[in-house]
C-alpha atoms as a PDB file:
ATOM      1  CA  SER A   1       0.000   0.000   0.000  1.00  0.00           C
ATOM      2  CA  SER A   2       0.987   3.671  -0.350  1.00  0.00           C
ATOM      3  CA  LYS A   3       1.311   4.029   3.416  1.00  0.00           C
ATOM      4  CA  GLU A   4       3.787   1.230   3.679  1.00  0.00           C
ATOM      5  CA  LYS A   5       5.732   2.566   0.724  1.00  0.00           C
ATOM      6  CA  SER A   6       5.853   6.023   2.276  1.00  0.00           C
ATOM      7  CA  SER A   7       6.930   4.553   5.608  1.00  0.00           C
ATOM      8  CA  TRP A   8       9.640   2.566   3.892  1.00  0.00           C
ATOM      9  CA  LYS A   9      10.911   5.624   2.052  1.00  0.00           C
ATOM     10  CA  ARG A  10      10.906   7.591   5.262  1.00  0.00           C
ATOM     11  CA  THR A  11      12.795   4.850   7.025  1.00  0.00           C
ATOM     12  CA  ALA A  12      15.291   4.736   4.179  1.00  0.00           C
ATOM     13  CA  MET A  13      15.666   8.526   4.233  1.00  0.00           C
ATOM     14  CA  MET A  14      16.155   8.485   8.017  1.00  0.00           C
ATOM     15  CA  ALA A  15      18.775   5.774   7.675  1.00  0.00           C
ATOM     16  CA  LYS A  16      20.504   7.701   4.928  1.00  0.00           C
ATOM     17  CA  LEU A  17      20.337  10.902   7.013  1.00  0.00           C
ATOM     18  CA  GLY A  18      21.833   9.018   9.967  1.00  0.00           C
ATOM     19  CA  ARG A  19      24.695   7.776   7.822  1.00  0.00           C
ATOM     20  CA  ILE A  20      25.250  11.325   6.507  1.00  0.00           C
ATOM     21  CA  GLN A  21      25.280  12.675  10.074  1.00  0.00           C
ATOM     22  CA  GLU A  22      27.720   9.946  11.092  1.00  0.00           C
ATOM     23  CA  LYS A  23      29.955  10.878   8.153  1.00  0.00           C
ATOM     24  CA  ILE A  24      29.712  14.572   9.088  1.00  0.00           C
ATOM     25  CA  ALA A  25      30.545  13.761  12.723  1.00  0.00           C
ATOM     26  CA  GLY A  26      33.449  11.604  11.549  1.00  0.00           C
ATOM     27  CA  MET A  27      34.691  14.365   9.288  1.00  0.00           C
ATOM     28  CA  GLU A  28      34.399  16.931  12.108  1.00  0.00           C
ATOM     29  CA  THR A  29      36.346  14.584  14.354  1.00  0.00           C
ATOM     30  CA  LYS A  30      39.010  14.189  11.690  1.00  0.00           C
ATOM     31  CA  ILE A  31      39.055  17.954  11.136  1.00  0.00           C
ATOM     32  CA  GLY A  32      39.472  18.504  14.877  1.00  0.00           C
ATOM     33  CA  GLU A  33      42.230  15.918  15.002  1.00  0.00           C
ATOM     34  CA  SER A  34      43.883  17.519  11.974  1.00  0.00           C
ATOM     35  CA  ARG A  35      43.692  20.927  13.610  1.00  0.00           C
ATOM     36  CA  GLN A  36      45.139  19.571  16.851  1.00  0.00           C
ATOM     37  CA  GLN A  37      47.813  17.808  14.866  1.00  0.00           C
ATOM     38  CA  GLY A  38      48.504  21.076  13.016  1.00  0.00           C
ATOM     39  CA  ARG A  39      48.791  22.912  16.340  1.00  0.00           C
ATOM     40  CA  ASP A  40      51.085  20.191  17.665  1.00  0.00           C
ATOM     41  CA  GLU A  41      53.172  20.349  14.522  1.00  0.00           C
ATOM     42  CA  GLN A  42      53.293  24.154  14.754  1.00  0.00           C
ATOM     43  CA  ALA A  43      54.410  23.957  18.412  1.00  0.00           C
ATOM     44  CA  ALA A  44      56.992  21.337  17.487  1.00  0.00           C
ATOM     45  CA  ALA A  45      58.166  23.514  14.586  1.00  0.00           C
ATOM     46  CA  GLN A  46      58.433  26.516  16.931  1.00  0.00           C
ATOM     47  CA  MET A  47      60.392  24.452  19.439  1.00  0.00           C
ATOM     48  CA  LEU A  48      62.665  23.185  16.671  1.00  0.00           C
ATOM     49  CA  LYS A  49      63.110  26.772  15.456  1.00  0.00           C
ATOM     50  CA  GLU A  50      64.079  27.927  18.955  1.00  0.00           C
ATOM     51  CA  GLN A  51      66.461  24.995  19.326  1.00  0.00           C
ATOM     52  CA  LEU A  52      67.965  25.838  15.938  1.00  0.00           C
ATOM     53  CA  GLU A  53      68.401  29.497  16.899  1.00  0.00           C
ATOM     54  CA  LYS A  54      70.034  28.460  20.193  1.00  0.00           C
ATOM     55  CA  ALA A  55      72.292  26.032  18.347  1.00  0.00           C
ATOM     56  CA  GLU A  56      73.241  28.770  15.861  1.00  0.00           C
ATOM     57  CA  ALA A  57      74.002  31.163  18.761  1.00  0.00           C
ATOM     58  CA  ASP A  58      76.115  28.502  20.492  1.00  0.00           C
ATOM     59  CA  LEU A  59      77.892  27.823  17.217  1.00  0.00           C
ATOM     60  CA  SER A  60      78.575  31.563  16.787  1.00  0.00           C
ATOM     61  CA  VAL A  61      80.027  31.731  20.309  1.00  0.00           C
ATOM     62  CA  ARG A  62      82.172  28.684  19.629  1.00  0.00           C
ATOM     63  CA  ASP A  63      83.314  30.209  16.336  1.00  0.00           C
ATOM     64  CA  SER A  64      84.307  33.393  18.178  1.00  0.00           C
ATOM     65  CA  SER A  65      86.133  31.372  20.822  1.00  0.00           C
ATOM     66  CA  LEU A  66      87.847  29.352  18.121  1.00  0.00           C
ATOM     67  CA  ALA A  67      88.876  32.514  16.264  1.00  0.00           C
ATOM     68  CA  SER A  68      90.191  34.014  19.501  1.00  0.00           C
ATOM     69  CA  GLY A  69      92.067  30.793  20.272  1.00  0.00           C
ATOM     70  CA  GLU A  70      93.548  30.733  16.795  1.00  0.00           C
ATOM     71  CA  ALA A  71      94.662  34.379  17.154  1.00  0.00           C
ATOM     72  CA  GLN A  72      96.262  33.609  20.529  1.00  0.00           C
ATOM     73  CA  PHE A  73      97.917  30.539  19.061  1.00  0.00           C
ATOM     74  CA  GLU A  74      99.332  32.646  16.237  1.00  0.00           C
ATOM     75  CA  LYS A  75     100.676  35.158  18.773  1.00  0.00           C
ATOM     76  CA  ILE A  76     102.231  32.335  20.774  1.00  0.00           C
ATOM     77  CA  GLU A  77     103.803  30.931  17.613  1.00  0.00           C
ATOM     78  CA  GLU A  78     105.208  34.370  16.775  1.00  0.00           C
ATOM     79  CA  SER A  79     106.573  34.697  20.334  1.00  0.00           C
ATOM     80  CA  VAL A  80     108.128  31.254  20.107  1.00  0.00           C
ATOM     81  CA  GLN A  81     109.690  32.068  16.752  1.00  0.00           C
ATOM     82  CA  TYR A  82     111.051  35.362  18.116  1.00  0.00           C
ATOM     83  CA  ALA A  83     112.442  33.605  21.186  1.00  0.00           C
ATOM     84  CA  GLU A  84     114.039  30.950  18.984  1.00  0.00           C
ATOM     85  CA  SER A  85     115.609  33.634  16.799  1.00  0.00           C
ATOM     86  CA  GLN A  86     116.935  35.433  19.898  1.00  0.00           C
ATOM     87  CA  LEU A  87     118.261  32.137  21.227  1.00  0.00           C
ATOM     88  CA  ASP A  88     119.982  31.435  17.924  1.00  0.00           C
ATOM     89  CA  ALA A  89     121.517  34.924  17.966  1.00  0.00           C
ATOM     90  CA  CYS A  90     122.723  34.477  21.545  1.00  0.00           C
ATOM     91  CA  THR A  91     124.123  31.061  20.717  1.00  0.00           C
ATOM     92  CA  HIS A  92     125.942  32.499  17.726  1.00  0.00           C
ATOM     93  CA  GLU A  93     127.348  35.339  19.857  1.00  0.00           C
ATOM     94  CA  LEU A  94     128.467  32.882  22.522  1.00  0.00           C
ATOM     95  CA  LYS A  95     130.244  30.767  19.926  1.00  0.00           C
ATOM     96  CA  ALA A  96     131.934  33.848  18.476  1.00  0.00           C
ATOM     97  CA  MET A  97     132.926  35.168  21.901  1.00  0.00           C
ATOM     98  CA  THR A  98     136.648  35.049  22.646  1.00  0.00           C
ATOM     99  CA  SER A  99     138.318  34.526  26.008  1.00  0.00           C
ATOM    100  CA  GLU A 100     139.092  38.243  26.198  1.00  0.00           C
ATOM    101  CA  ASP A 101     135.403  39.027  25.778  1.00  0.00           C
ATOM    102  CA  ALA A 102     134.593  36.567  28.558  1.00  0.00           C
ATOM    103  CA  ASP A 103     137.199  38.223  30.831  1.00  0.00           C
ATOM    104  CA  SER A 104     135.814  41.683  30.154  1.00  0.00           C
ATOM    105  CA  ILE A 105     132.280  40.415  30.845  1.00  0.00           C
ATOM    106  CA  ASN A 106     133.442  38.866  34.128  1.00  0.00           C
ATOM    107  CA  ILE A 107     135.119  42.151  35.087  1.00  0.00           C
ATOM    108  CA  GLU A 108     131.945  44.060  34.237  1.00  0.00           C
ATOM    109  CA  LEU A 109     129.839  41.592  36.229  1.00  0.00           C
ATOM    110  CA  GLU A 110     132.163  41.932  39.204  1.00  0.00           C
ATOM    111  CA  ARG A 111     131.983  45.722  38.940  1.00  0.00           C
ATOM    112  CA  LYS A 112     128.204  45.587  38.912  1.00  0.00           C
ATOM    113  CA  ARG A 113     128.175  43.192  41.871  1.00  0.00           C
ATOM    114  CA  SER A 114     130.428  45.595  43.768  1.00  0.00           C
ATOM    115  CA  ALA A 115     128.192  48.545  42.888  1.00  0.00           C
ATOM    116  CA  ILE A 116     125.125  46.594  44.009  1.00  0.00           C
ATOM    117  CA  SER A 117     126.841  45.643  47.256  1.00  0.00           C
ATOM    118  CA  GLN A 118     127.822  49.262  47.925  1.00  0.00           C
ATOM    119  CA  SER A 119     124.302  50.385  47.152  1.00  0.00           C
ATOM    120  CA  GLU A 120     122.875  47.791  49.529  1.00  0.00           C
ATOM    121  CA  GLN A 121     125.312  48.914  52.249  1.00  0.00           C
ATOM    122  CA  ALA A 122     124.350  52.544  51.678  1.00  0.00           C
ATOM    123  CA  GLN A 123     120.683  51.626  51.863  1.00  0.00           C
ATOM    124  CA  ALA A 124     121.269  49.697  55.081  1.00  0.00           C
ATOM    125  CA  ALA A 125     123.180  52.660  56.560  1.00  0.00           C
ATOM    126  CA  ALA A 126     120.399  55.042  55.520  1.00  0.00           C
ATOM    127  CA  ALA A 127     117.781  52.750  57.028  1.00  0.00           C
ATOM    128  CA  SER A 128     119.789  52.532  60.255  1.00  0.00           C
ATOM    129  CA  HIS A 129     120.193  56.313  60.351  1.00  0.00           C
ATOM    130  CA  GLN A 130     116.477  56.757  59.739  1.00  0.00           C
ATOM    131  CA  ALA A 131     115.645  54.307  62.513  1.00  0.00           C
ATOM    132  CA  GLU A 132     118.012  56.176  64.837  1.00  0.00           C
ATOM    133  CA  LEU A 133     116.355  59.475  63.938  1.00  0.00           C
ATOM    134  CA  GLU A 134     112.941  57.950  64.553  1.00  0.00           C
ATOM    135  CA  ARG A 135     114.135  56.750  67.963  1.00  0.00           C
ATOM    136  CA  ASP A 136     115.541  60.226  68.765  1.00  0.00           C
ATOM    137  CA  LEU A 137     112.501  62.032  67.380  1.00  0.00           C
ATOM    138  CA  PRO A 138     110.634  62.310  70.741  1.00  0.00           C
ATOM    139  CA  ARG A 139     113.788  63.702  72.408  1.00  0.00           C
ATOM    140  CA  LEU A 140     114.338  66.170  69.558  1.00  0.00           C
ATOM    141  CA  LEU A 141     110.716  67.251  69.733  1.00  0.00           C
ATOM    142  CA  ARG A 142     111.090  67.824  73.484  1.00  0.00           C
ATOM    143  CA  ILE A 143     114.227  69.905  72.851  1.00  0.00           C
ATOM    144  CA  VAL A 144     112.424  71.981  70.216  1.00  0.00           C
ATOM    145  CA  GLU A 145     109.466  72.467  72.543  1.00  0.00           C
ATOM    146  CA  ASP A 146     111.762  73.474  75.428  1.00  0.00           C
ATOM    147  CA  ARG A 147     113.520  75.975  73.177  1.00  0.00           C
ATOM    148  CA  ARG A 148     110.185  77.348  71.972  1.00  0.00           C
ATOM    149  CA  LEU A 149     109.030  77.792  75.547  1.00  0.00           C
ATOM    150  CA  ALA A 150     112.392  79.380  76.434  1.00  0.00           C
ATOM    151  CA  CYS A 151     112.034  81.802  73.512  1.00  0.00           C
ATOM    152  CA  MET A 152     108.501  82.661  74.586  1.00  0.00           C
ATOM    153  CA  LYS A 153     109.713  83.225  78.154  1.00  0.00           C
ATOM    154  CA  ALA A 154     112.618  85.365  76.914  1.00  0.00           C
ATOM    155  CA  THR A 155     110.175  87.387  74.812  1.00  0.00           C
ATOM    156  CA  ASP A 156     107.885  87.856  77.815  1.00  0.00           C
ATOM    157  CA  ASP A 157     110.877  88.822  79.971  1.00  0.00           C
ATOM    158  CA  SER A 158     112.046  91.281  77.326  1.00  0.00           C
ATOM    159  CA  LEU A 159     108.591  92.845  77.147  1.00  0.00           C
ATOM    160  CA  ALA A 160     108.459  93.072  80.931  1.00  0.00           C
ATOM    161  CA  ALA A 161     111.917  94.650  80.989  1.00  0.00           C
ATOM    162  CA  SER A 162     110.889  97.138  78.283  1.00  0.00           C
ATOM    163  CA  ARG A 163     107.802  98.084  80.288  1.00  0.00           C
ATOM    164  CA  ALA A 164     109.922  98.445  83.455  1.00  0.00           C
ATOM    165  CA  VAL A 165     112.446 100.662  81.611  1.00  0.00           C
ATOM    166  CA  ALA A 166     109.629 102.810  80.247  1.00  0.00           C
ATOM    167  CA  ARG A 167     108.092 103.078  83.706  1.00  0.00           C
ATOM    168  CA  TYR A 168     111.455 103.987  85.254  1.00  0.00           C
ATOM    169  CA  GLN A 169     111.998 106.540  82.493  1.00  0.00           C
ATOM    170  CA  ARG A 170     108.627 108.161  83.211  1.00  0.00           C
ATOM    171  CA  GLU A 171     109.393 108.271  86.914  1.00  0.00           C
ATOM    172  CA  LEU A 172     112.835 109.802  86.205  1.00  0.00           C
ATOM    173  CA  ASN A 173     111.299 112.424  83.954  1.00  0.00           C
ATOM    174  CA  ALA A 174     108.732 113.239  86.606  1.00  0.00           C
ATOM    175  CA  LEU A 175     111.465 113.683  89.217  1.00  0.00           C
ATOM    176  CA  GLU A 176     113.509 115.903  86.936  1.00  0.00           C
ATOM    177  CA  ALA A 177     110.438 117.942  86.120  1.00  0.00           C
ATOM    178  CA  LYS A 178     109.741 118.488  89.800  1.00  0.00           C
ATOM    179  CA  ARG A 179     113.331 119.570  90.428  1.00  0.00           C
ATOM    180  CA  ALA A 180     113.512 121.952  87.485  1.00  0.00           C
ATOM    181  CA  GLY A 181     109.926 123.124  87.619  1.00  0.00           C
ATOM    182  CA  GLY A 182     109.320 121.817  84.093  1.00  0.00           C
ATOM    183  CA  PRO A 183     108.968 118.589  82.128  1.00  0.00           C
ATOM    184  CA  GLY A 184     112.692 118.018  82.100  1.00  0.00           C
ATOM    185  CA  LEU A 185     115.156 117.574  79.276  1.00  0.00           C
ATOM    186  CA  ARG A 186     114.468 113.883  78.744  1.00  0.00           C
ATOM    187  CA  GLY A 187     110.720 114.458  78.706  1.00  0.00           C
ATOM    188  CA  GLN A 188     111.097 117.219  76.138  1.00  0.00           C
ATOM    189  CA  LEU A 189     113.240 114.976  73.963  1.00  0.00           C
ATOM    190  CA  GLN A 190     110.731 112.135  74.228  1.00  0.00           C
ATOM    191  CA  ARG A 191     107.867 114.464  73.290  1.00  0.00           C
ATOM    192  CA  ARG A 192     109.799 115.585  70.241  1.00  0.00           C
END
C-alpha cells in the first residue's frame, strides 16, 4: 500500500540521514584531530626553530672562541719564533765570543756586583740612620718644645723689661720735672 511505501521511504531517508550525520561527525572529528595535529606540529616547529636558533648562537660563540684561540695561538707561535731567533743569535754570539770578551764580561759583572753591594750597604746605613732618627725624634721634639718655651719666656721677659724701663723713664722724667719746675730735658726729647 501507499502508506507502507511512504513509511519505507521515510525509514530509508532516516537511515541515509543518519549515515550522513555519522559521516559529518566523523569528518568533524578528523578535522578537529587535523587541527590539533597542526597545532602540535606548529608547536613542534616553533620548538625546533628555537632549538635551531640556540644552536646557531652557540655555534657563533664557539666560532668566536675558536677565532680568539687561533689568534692567541698565532701570537704564541710568533713569540716562540722570536724567542728561537733570539736564542739562535745568543748562541751564535756565545760561539763567536773570545776569552778576552769573557774576561771583560766577568770584570763588568764583578763591577756591577760591587756597585750593588755598595748600594745595599748605603741603603742599610740610611735605614739605620732613619731608625736612629725615629728613635731620637721624641727627644728632639722635646728639645724643640723646650727651646720654643724658652724663647717665649725670653720674649715675655724682654717685654716686661721694656715696660719696666719705660716706667722707670717716666718716673725719672717726673722727678727731673719736679726739680727743674718743668717737664725736664728727657721728657722734652721724648715728646719731640
